[in-house]
Structures are given as structure tokens and as C-alpha cells.
Amino acid sequence: MATTGLPACGVYLLELRVAKPVTVSVGRLGEVRLETGMYLYVGSAQRNLPARVRRHFACEKRIRWHIDYLTTHPAVDVIGAATWERSREWECRLGRVLVAHGAAAEAVAGFGASDCHCRTHLFRVLLSDWRASLIEPLGECAFIANVQR
């Protein structure tokens, strides 16, 4: 899969679709229940962002991060990734911006946030046009659709 056009490093939002309610055991976090719907996961890669996005798109991989438990689940589809060339601190800001603009709500406490002070890095989408809420603070994103699934 080509990830041409993505910045070399930066922050990203994975867009996920949960096709049916799921309960997933997520490492030390424990049981996580997600209802049917759309979700966003906030992450960063301060080097080789295209490789990180390709990894998230892959269905089969070694489980390393909380998000891997979802991206390998058969009821969860990774729709695509929105990326911005921004510093790592924007990883945590992205979630706050989504919530402040009413585009998303916190989904699972502690998810993906073991290396920072955020409450979560997983958000349930409330607005179908969530990208519009990020244009003012971040500018246009590079979006790549996942064609592997």
C-alpha cells in the first residue's frame, strides 16, 4: 500500500469502524467494550510516520500497543488515517480539540495513554465531518484510505 504524500513524522488519527458491539481484552487495561460506531485513535510517530500508518492498517501483526488489540479484531475496520506534520505534544492536543469542538467524546479511560497524562487516546465520533473541526487549529490533513481490508 502506498503512503505517498504523508509527512515523514508527526501526529495521526486512525479512523475506525466497529461493525458490532465488541468486548476485547486489552493487556493490562483489561476488558474494553465498544459499541457499534465510528472511533478515532490519536497517535504520533516522530520518525517514519508512513511505516506506522502501514502497520496500523495491517490485519496481522505482533501486539505491541493498545490499538493493536482493536486493529486486529475482526469486527473492527481501520478506515484510514489523517496525518499532520506536528510535534509529539500535538498527540494529546488532538483529543482535546476533538472533544472541545463536539466532534468526539472520550471512549475508554486509559486507552493508548500509558505514556502521557491524557485520560484516553480513543474517542467515539459524534460528528461525521470530524475533520472539519481540526482544520482551524491544525490546517488541512493528509488523509489516506486503507485499501487492505
N, C-alpha and C. Protein backbone atom coordinates (compact mmCIF):
# COMPACT_ATOMS: atom_id res chain seq x y z
N MET A 1 0.84 -1.18 0.00
CA MET A 1 0.00 0.00 0.00
C MET A 1 0.88 1.24 0.00
N ALA A 2 0.57 2.16 -0.83
CA ALA A 2 1.34 3.39 -0.94
C ALA A 2 0.91 4.38 0.14
N THR A 3 1.87 4.96 0.79
CA THR A 3 1.59 6.02 1.76
C THR A 3 2.25 7.31 1.31
N THR A 4 2.37 7.47 0.00
CA THR A 4 2.95 8.66 -0.60
C THR A 4 2.13 9.88 -0.19
N GLY A 5 2.81 10.96 0.11
CA GLY A 5 2.12 12.19 0.47
C GLY A 5 1.98 12.40 1.96
N LEU A 6 2.32 11.39 2.76
CA LEU A 6 2.26 11.57 4.21
C LEU A 6 3.55 12.22 4.69
N PRO A 7 3.45 13.03 5.74
CA PRO A 7 4.68 13.60 6.28
C PRO A 7 5.59 12.51 6.85
N ALA A 8 6.88 12.80 6.96
CA ALA A 8 7.84 11.82 7.48
C ALA A 8 7.63 11.56 8.96
N CYS A 9 7.16 12.57 9.67
CA CYS A 9 6.91 12.42 11.10
C CYS A 9 5.71 13.30 11.46
N GLY A 10 5.13 13.03 12.62
CA GLY A 10 4.01 13.87 13.04
C GLY A 10 2.99 13.12 13.87
N VAL A 11 1.76 13.62 13.82
CA VAL A 11 0.67 13.03 14.59
C VAL A 11 -0.38 12.50 13.61
N TYR A 12 -1.20 11.58 14.12
CA TYR A 12 -2.20 10.98 13.25
C TYR A 12 -3.45 10.61 14.04
N LEU A 13 -4.53 10.49 13.31
CA LEU A 13 -5.78 9.96 13.83
C LEU A 13 -6.15 8.76 12.97
N LEU A 14 -6.32 7.62 13.58
CA LEU A 14 -6.84 6.46 12.86
C LEU A 14 -8.35 6.51 12.95
N GLU A 15 -9.01 6.34 11.83
CA GLU A 15 -10.47 6.28 11.80
C GLU A 15 -10.87 4.81 11.78
N LEU A 16 -11.64 4.41 12.79
CA LEU A 16 -12.03 3.01 12.97
C LEU A 16 -13.54 2.86 12.91
N ARG A 17 -14.00 1.77 12.32
CA ARG A 17 -15.43 1.44 12.33
C ARG A 17 -15.60 0.13 13.09
N VAL A 18 -16.43 0.17 14.12
CA VAL A 18 -16.76 -1.03 14.87
C VAL A 18 -18.11 -1.51 14.34
N ALA A 19 -18.10 -2.67 13.69
CA ALA A 19 -19.28 -3.17 12.96
C ALA A 19 -20.37 -3.71 13.89
N LYS A 20 -19.98 -4.20 15.05
CA LYS A 20 -20.94 -4.73 16.02
C LYS A 20 -20.32 -4.54 17.40
N PRO A 21 -21.13 -4.54 18.46
CA PRO A 21 -20.56 -4.37 19.80
C PRO A 21 -19.49 -5.44 20.06
N VAL A 22 -18.36 -5.01 20.62
CA VAL A 22 -17.28 -5.94 20.91
C VAL A 22 -16.75 -5.72 22.32
N THR A 23 -16.27 -6.81 22.90
CA THR A 23 -15.53 -6.75 24.15
C THR A 23 -14.17 -7.36 23.85
N VAL A 24 -13.13 -6.59 24.11
CA VAL A 24 -11.76 -7.01 23.79
C VAL A 24 -10.92 -6.92 25.05
N SER A 25 -10.11 -7.93 25.30
CA SER A 25 -9.15 -7.89 26.41
C SER A 25 -7.92 -7.13 25.91
N VAL A 26 -7.63 -5.99 26.55
CA VAL A 26 -6.56 -5.10 26.11
C VAL A 26 -5.45 -5.07 27.16
N GLY A 27 -4.58 -6.06 27.13
CA GLY A 27 -3.43 -6.11 28.03
C GLY A 27 -3.77 -5.79 29.47
N ARG A 28 -2.94 -4.94 30.09
CA ARG A 28 -3.15 -4.55 31.50
C ARG A 28 -4.37 -3.68 31.70
N LEU A 29 -4.86 -3.08 30.62
CA LEU A 29 -6.05 -2.24 30.70
C LEU A 29 -7.29 -3.06 31.03
N GLY A 30 -7.29 -4.32 30.62
CA GLY A 30 -8.41 -5.21 30.92
C GLY A 30 -9.44 -5.24 29.80
N GLU A 31 -10.68 -5.60 30.18
CA GLU A 31 -11.77 -5.73 29.22
C GLU A 31 -12.24 -4.35 28.76
N VAL A 32 -12.33 -4.18 27.46
CA VAL A 32 -12.79 -2.94 26.85
C VAL A 32 -14.01 -3.26 26.00
N ARG A 33 -15.09 -2.53 26.24
CA ARG A 33 -16.33 -2.73 25.46
C ARG A 33 -16.54 -1.52 24.57
N LEU A 34 -16.73 -1.79 23.28
CA LEU A 34 -17.04 -0.74 22.32
C LEU A 34 -18.36 -1.06 21.64
N GLU A 35 -19.21 -0.06 21.55
CA GLU A 35 -20.48 -0.20 20.85
C GLU A 35 -20.25 0.01 19.36
N THR A 36 -21.21 -0.39 18.57
CA THR A 36 -21.17 -0.17 17.13
C THR A 36 -21.01 1.33 16.86
N GLY A 37 -20.14 1.67 15.92
CA GLY A 37 -19.97 3.08 15.57
C GLY A 37 -18.57 3.39 15.06
N MET A 38 -18.30 4.68 14.95
CA MET A 38 -17.02 5.18 14.46
C MET A 38 -16.19 5.69 15.63
N TYR A 39 -14.89 5.44 15.56
CA TYR A 39 -13.96 5.84 16.61
C TYR A 39 -12.72 6.46 15.99
N LEU A 40 -12.02 7.26 16.78
CA LEU A 40 -10.75 7.84 16.37
C LEU A 40 -9.71 7.51 17.42
N TYR A 41 -8.55 7.11 16.97
CA TYR A 41 -7.42 6.85 17.85
C TYR A 41 -6.32 7.85 17.53
N VAL A 42 -5.82 8.52 18.55
CA VAL A 42 -4.77 9.54 18.39
C VAL A 42 -3.41 8.92 18.65
N GLY A 43 -2.46 9.18 17.76
CA GLY A 43 -1.11 8.68 17.94
C GLY A 43 -0.08 9.62 17.35
N SER A 44 1.19 9.28 17.56
CA SER A 44 2.27 10.07 16.96
C SER A 44 3.40 9.15 16.55
N ALA A 45 4.16 9.62 15.59
CA ALA A 45 5.36 8.91 15.15
C ALA A 45 6.38 9.99 14.82
N GLN A 46 7.39 10.11 15.62
CA GLN A 46 8.35 11.18 15.41
C GLN A 46 9.44 10.81 14.42
N ARG A 47 9.31 9.62 13.86
CA ARG A 47 10.09 9.24 12.68
C ARG A 47 9.31 8.14 11.96
N ASN A 48 9.38 8.17 10.66
CA ASN A 48 8.76 7.17 9.79
C ASN A 48 7.25 6.99 10.01
N LEU A 49 6.54 8.09 9.94
CA LEU A 49 5.08 8.07 10.07
C LEU A 49 4.41 7.16 9.03
N PRO A 50 4.83 7.17 7.76
CA PRO A 50 4.20 6.26 6.80
C PRO A 50 4.27 4.79 7.22
N ALA A 51 5.39 4.36 7.78
CA ALA A 51 5.53 2.98 8.24
C ALA A 51 4.58 2.69 9.40
N ARG A 52 4.39 3.65 10.29
CA ARG A 52 3.47 3.46 11.41
C ARG A 52 2.04 3.30 10.90
N VAL A 53 1.66 4.12 9.94
CA VAL A 53 0.31 4.02 9.37
C VAL A 53 0.13 2.66 8.68
N ARG A 54 1.10 2.23 7.91
CA ARG A 54 1.01 0.92 7.25
C ARG A 54 0.86 -0.20 8.28
N ARG A 55 1.58 -0.09 9.38
CA ARG A 55 1.49 -1.09 10.44
C ARG A 55 0.08 -1.13 11.02
N HIS A 56 -0.49 0.04 11.28
CA HIS A 56 -1.85 0.08 11.82
C HIS A 56 -2.87 -0.50 10.84
N PHE A 57 -2.63 -0.35 9.56
CA PHE A 57 -3.54 -0.87 8.55
C PHE A 57 -3.47 -2.39 8.44
N ALA A 58 -2.35 -2.99 8.83
CA ALA A 58 -2.16 -4.44 8.70
C ALA A 58 -3.08 -5.19 9.67
N CYS A 59 -3.70 -6.25 9.17
CA CYS A 59 -4.60 -7.06 10.00
C CYS A 59 -3.82 -8.00 10.93
N GLU A 60 -2.70 -8.47 10.46
CA GLU A 60 -1.90 -9.41 11.26
C GLU A 60 -0.59 -8.75 11.64
N LYS A 61 -0.31 -8.75 12.94
CA LYS A 61 0.92 -8.17 13.47
C LYS A 61 1.11 -8.60 14.91
N ARG A 62 2.30 -8.43 15.42
CA ARG A 62 2.57 -8.68 16.82
C ARG A 62 1.88 -7.58 17.63
N ILE A 63 1.19 -7.95 18.68
CA ILE A 63 0.50 -6.97 19.52
C ILE A 63 1.54 -6.22 20.34
N ARG A 64 1.56 -4.89 20.16
CA ARG A 64 2.56 -4.05 20.84
C ARG A 64 1.89 -2.93 21.63
N TRP A 65 0.87 -2.31 21.06
CA TRP A 65 0.19 -1.19 21.68
C TRP A 65 -1.28 -1.51 21.90
N HIS A 66 -1.95 -0.73 22.75
CA HIS A 66 -3.38 -0.92 22.97
C HIS A 66 -4.15 -0.97 21.66
N ILE A 67 -3.84 -0.09 20.74
CA ILE A 67 -4.59 -0.01 19.49
C ILE A 67 -4.49 -1.30 18.68
N ASP A 68 -3.41 -2.06 18.84
CA ASP A 68 -3.25 -3.32 18.11
C ASP A 68 -4.34 -4.33 18.46
N TYR A 69 -4.83 -4.29 19.68
CA TYR A 69 -5.90 -5.20 20.08
C TYR A 69 -7.18 -4.91 19.28
N LEU A 70 -7.38 -3.65 18.91
CA LEU A 70 -8.56 -3.30 18.11
C LEU A 70 -8.33 -3.53 16.63
N THR A 71 -7.18 -3.10 16.12
CA THR A 71 -6.95 -3.19 14.67
C THR A 71 -6.82 -4.63 14.17
N THR A 72 -6.61 -5.57 15.08
CA THR A 72 -6.55 -6.98 14.69
C THR A 72 -7.86 -7.71 14.95
N HIS A 73 -8.84 -7.03 15.52
CA HIS A 73 -10.13 -7.66 15.81
C HIS A 73 -10.97 -7.71 14.54
N PRO A 74 -11.62 -8.85 14.26
CA PRO A 74 -12.38 -8.98 13.01
C PRO A 74 -13.58 -8.04 12.88
N ALA A 75 -14.11 -7.53 13.99
CA ALA A 75 -15.27 -6.62 13.92
C ALA A 75 -14.87 -5.16 13.81
N VAL A 76 -13.56 -4.90 13.76
CA VAL A 76 -13.06 -3.52 13.69
C VAL A 76 -12.35 -3.30 12.36
N ASP A 77 -12.77 -2.29 11.62
CA ASP A 77 -12.13 -1.92 10.36
C ASP A 77 -11.38 -0.61 10.53
N VAL A 78 -10.15 -0.57 10.05
CA VAL A 78 -9.40 0.68 10.01
C VAL A 78 -9.74 1.32 8.68
N ILE A 79 -10.49 2.42 8.73
CA ILE A 79 -10.96 3.09 7.52
C ILE A 79 -9.84 3.88 6.86
N GLY A 80 -9.05 4.58 7.66
CA GLY A 80 -7.98 5.39 7.11
C GLY A 80 -7.26 6.14 8.22
N ALA A 81 -6.37 7.03 7.81
CA ALA A 81 -5.59 7.81 8.76
C ALA A 81 -5.46 9.24 8.27
N ALA A 82 -5.70 10.17 9.17
CA ALA A 82 -5.45 11.59 8.91
C ALA A 82 -4.13 11.94 9.59
N THR A 83 -3.25 12.62 8.89
CA THR A 83 -1.92 12.92 9.44
C THR A 83 -1.58 14.40 9.30
N TRP A 84 -0.78 14.87 10.25
CA TRP A 84 -0.28 16.24 10.23
C TRP A 84 1.19 16.21 10.64
N GLU A 85 1.97 17.07 10.04
CA GLU A 85 3.37 17.22 10.43
C GLU A 85 3.41 18.17 11.62
N ARG A 86 3.36 17.60 12.81
CA ARG A 86 3.34 18.36 14.06
C ARG A 86 4.21 17.65 15.09
N SER A 87 4.60 18.36 16.13
CA SER A 87 5.42 17.79 17.20
C SER A 87 4.59 16.85 18.06
N ARG A 88 5.26 16.03 18.85
CA ARG A 88 4.61 15.00 19.65
C ARG A 88 3.55 15.55 20.60
N GLU A 89 3.75 16.76 21.14
CA GLU A 89 2.76 17.30 22.08
C GLU A 89 1.37 17.48 21.45
N TRP A 90 1.34 17.53 20.12
CA TRP A 90 0.05 17.62 19.44
C TRP A 90 -0.75 16.32 19.54
N GLU A 91 -0.09 15.22 19.85
CA GLU A 91 -0.79 13.96 20.02
C GLU A 91 -1.88 14.12 21.09
N CYS A 92 -1.53 14.69 22.21
CA CYS A 92 -2.50 14.88 23.30
C CYS A 92 -3.47 16.03 22.99
N ARG A 93 -3.01 17.06 22.31
CA ARG A 93 -3.88 18.19 21.96
C ARG A 93 -5.00 17.78 21.01
N LEU A 94 -4.72 16.86 20.10
CA LEU A 94 -5.72 16.43 19.13
C LEU A 94 -7.00 15.97 19.80
N GLY A 95 -6.86 15.12 20.79
CA GLY A 95 -8.04 14.63 21.50
C GLY A 95 -8.81 15.74 22.17
N ARG A 96 -8.09 16.66 22.80
CA ARG A 96 -8.76 17.78 23.47
C ARG A 96 -9.50 18.65 22.47
N VAL A 97 -8.92 18.87 21.30
CA VAL A 97 -9.57 19.67 20.26
C VAL A 97 -10.84 18.97 19.77
N LEU A 98 -10.77 17.67 19.53
CA LEU A 98 -11.94 16.92 19.07
C LEU A 98 -13.10 17.05 20.07
N VAL A 99 -12.80 16.89 21.35
CA VAL A 99 -13.83 16.97 22.39
C VAL A 99 -14.35 18.40 22.52
N ALA A 100 -13.45 19.38 22.53
CA ALA A 100 -13.85 20.79 22.69
C ALA A 100 -14.77 21.25 21.56
N HIS A 101 -14.57 20.72 20.36
CA HIS A 101 -15.40 21.10 19.21
C HIS A 101 -16.63 20.22 19.05
N GLY A 102 -16.85 19.30 19.99
CA GLY A 102 -18.03 18.43 19.93
C GLY A 102 -17.98 17.38 18.84
N ALA A 103 -16.79 17.14 18.28
CA ALA A 103 -16.65 16.16 17.20
C ALA A 103 -16.54 14.74 17.72
N ALA A 104 -16.09 14.59 18.97
CA ALA A 104 -15.88 13.26 19.53
C ALA A 104 -15.98 13.31 21.04
N ALA A 105 -16.15 12.14 21.64
CA ALA A 105 -16.21 12.01 23.10
C ALA A 105 -15.22 10.93 23.53
N GLU A 106 -14.70 11.07 24.73
CA GLU A 106 -13.78 10.06 25.25
C GLU A 106 -14.48 8.71 25.28
N ALA A 107 -13.78 7.67 24.82
CA ALA A 107 -14.40 6.35 24.69
C ALA A 107 -14.01 5.40 25.82
N VAL A 108 -12.71 5.23 26.07
CA VAL A 108 -12.23 4.26 27.06
C VAL A 108 -11.11 4.89 27.87
N ALA A 109 -11.33 5.04 29.16
CA ALA A 109 -10.31 5.64 30.05
C ALA A 109 -9.01 4.84 29.99
N GLY A 110 -7.90 5.56 29.83
CA GLY A 110 -6.58 4.95 29.84
C GLY A 110 -6.12 4.34 28.53
N PHE A 111 -7.00 4.24 27.55
CA PHE A 111 -6.65 3.58 26.29
C PHE A 111 -5.61 4.39 25.52
N GLY A 112 -4.46 3.78 25.26
CA GLY A 112 -3.41 4.42 24.47
C GLY A 112 -2.70 5.56 25.17
N ALA A 113 -2.99 5.77 26.44
CA ALA A 113 -2.45 6.93 27.16
C ALA A 113 -1.53 6.51 28.30
N SER A 114 -0.84 5.40 28.14
CA SER A 114 0.02 4.93 29.23
C SER A 114 1.33 5.71 29.34
N ASP A 115 1.68 6.49 28.30
CA ASP A 115 2.94 7.24 28.34
C ASP A 115 2.72 8.75 28.43
N CYS A 116 1.51 9.17 28.85
CA CYS A 116 1.23 10.59 28.99
C CYS A 116 0.20 10.79 30.10
N HIS A 117 -0.27 12.02 30.27
CA HIS A 117 -1.23 12.32 31.33
C HIS A 117 -2.65 12.48 30.80
N CYS A 118 -2.89 12.10 29.56
CA CYS A 118 -4.24 12.19 28.99
C CYS A 118 -5.13 11.13 29.62
N ARG A 119 -6.44 11.37 29.56
CA ARG A 119 -7.38 10.36 30.07
C ARG A 119 -7.55 9.22 29.07
N THR A 120 -7.40 9.51 27.78
CA THR A 120 -7.53 8.49 26.75
C THR A 120 -6.99 9.01 25.42
N HIS A 121 -6.72 8.09 24.52
CA HIS A 121 -6.38 8.44 23.14
C HIS A 121 -7.37 7.80 22.18
N LEU A 122 -8.47 7.26 22.73
CA LEU A 122 -9.52 6.65 21.90
C LEU A 122 -10.81 7.43 22.11
N PHE A 123 -11.41 7.85 21.00
CA PHE A 123 -12.59 8.72 21.04
C PHE A 123 -13.69 8.16 20.15
N ARG A 124 -14.93 8.31 20.61
CA ARG A 124 -16.09 7.93 19.81
C ARG A 124 -16.50 9.14 18.98
N VAL A 125 -16.68 8.95 17.68
CA VAL A 125 -17.04 10.04 16.77
C VAL A 125 -18.49 10.47 17.02
N LEU A 126 -18.69 11.78 17.17
CA LEU A 126 -20.03 12.34 17.34
C LEU A 126 -20.48 13.09 16.08
N LEU A 127 -19.52 13.64 15.33
CA LEU A 127 -19.82 14.36 14.09
C LEU A 127 -19.20 13.61 12.92
N SER A 128 -20.00 13.35 11.88
CA SER A 128 -19.46 12.62 10.74
C SER A 128 -18.34 13.40 10.05
N ASP A 129 -18.41 14.72 10.09
CA ASP A 129 -17.37 15.55 9.48
C ASP A 129 -16.37 16.02 10.55
N TRP A 130 -15.81 15.08 11.29
CA TRP A 130 -14.90 15.41 12.37
C TRP A 130 -13.65 16.14 11.88
N ARG A 131 -13.22 15.88 10.64
CA ARG A 131 -12.01 16.54 10.12
C ARG A 131 -12.17 18.05 10.07
N ALA A 132 -13.37 18.53 9.81
CA ALA A 132 -13.61 19.98 9.73
C ALA A 132 -13.28 20.67 11.05
N SER A 133 -13.48 19.99 12.18
CA SER A 133 -13.21 20.60 13.48
C SER A 133 -11.71 20.76 13.74
N LEU A 134 -10.88 20.12 12.94
CA LEU A 134 -9.43 20.19 13.14
C LEU A 134 -8.73 21.13 12.17
N ILE A 135 -9.45 21.63 11.17
CA ILE A 135 -8.81 22.49 10.16
C ILE A 135 -8.29 23.78 10.76
N GLU A 136 -9.10 24.45 11.61
CA GLU A 136 -8.65 25.72 12.19
C GLU A 136 -7.40 25.55 13.06
N PRO A 137 -7.37 24.62 14.02
CA PRO A 137 -6.17 24.52 14.84
C PRO A 137 -4.98 23.86 14.16
N LEU A 138 -5.22 22.99 13.17
CA LEU A 138 -4.13 22.19 12.60
C LEU A 138 -3.89 22.40 11.12
N GLY A 139 -4.85 22.93 10.41
CA GLY A 139 -4.74 23.03 8.96
C GLY A 139 -5.21 21.74 8.31
N GLU A 140 -5.17 21.70 7.01
CA GLU A 140 -5.61 20.52 6.27
C GLU A 140 -4.73 19.31 6.61
N CYS A 141 -5.33 18.16 6.59
CA CYS A 141 -4.58 16.94 6.87
C CYS A 141 -4.29 16.19 5.58
N ALA A 142 -3.31 15.32 5.65
CA ALA A 142 -3.11 14.34 4.59
C ALA A 142 -3.89 13.11 5.03
N PHE A 143 -4.85 12.67 4.24
CA PHE A 143 -5.67 11.52 4.60
C PHE A 143 -5.40 10.39 3.62
N ILE A 144 -5.21 9.22 4.16
CA ILE A 144 -5.02 8.05 3.31
C ILE A 144 -6.02 6.97 3.72
N ALA A 145 -6.72 6.47 2.74
CA ALA A 145 -7.71 5.40 2.99
C ALA A 145 -7.01 4.06 3.04
N ASN A 146 -7.52 3.19 3.88
CA ASN A 146 -7.00 1.84 3.98
C ASN A 146 -7.66 0.97 2.91
N VAL A 147 -6.89 0.51 1.97
CA VAL A 147 -7.43 -0.31 0.90
C VAL A 147 -7.11 -1.80 1.11
N GLN A 148 -6.52 -2.13 2.24
CA GLN A 148 -6.13 -3.51 2.52
C GLN A 148 -7.29 -4.38 2.97
N ARG A 149 -8.36 -3.78 3.51
CA ARG A 149 -9.45 -4.58 4.06
C ARG A 149 -10.62 -4.62 3.13
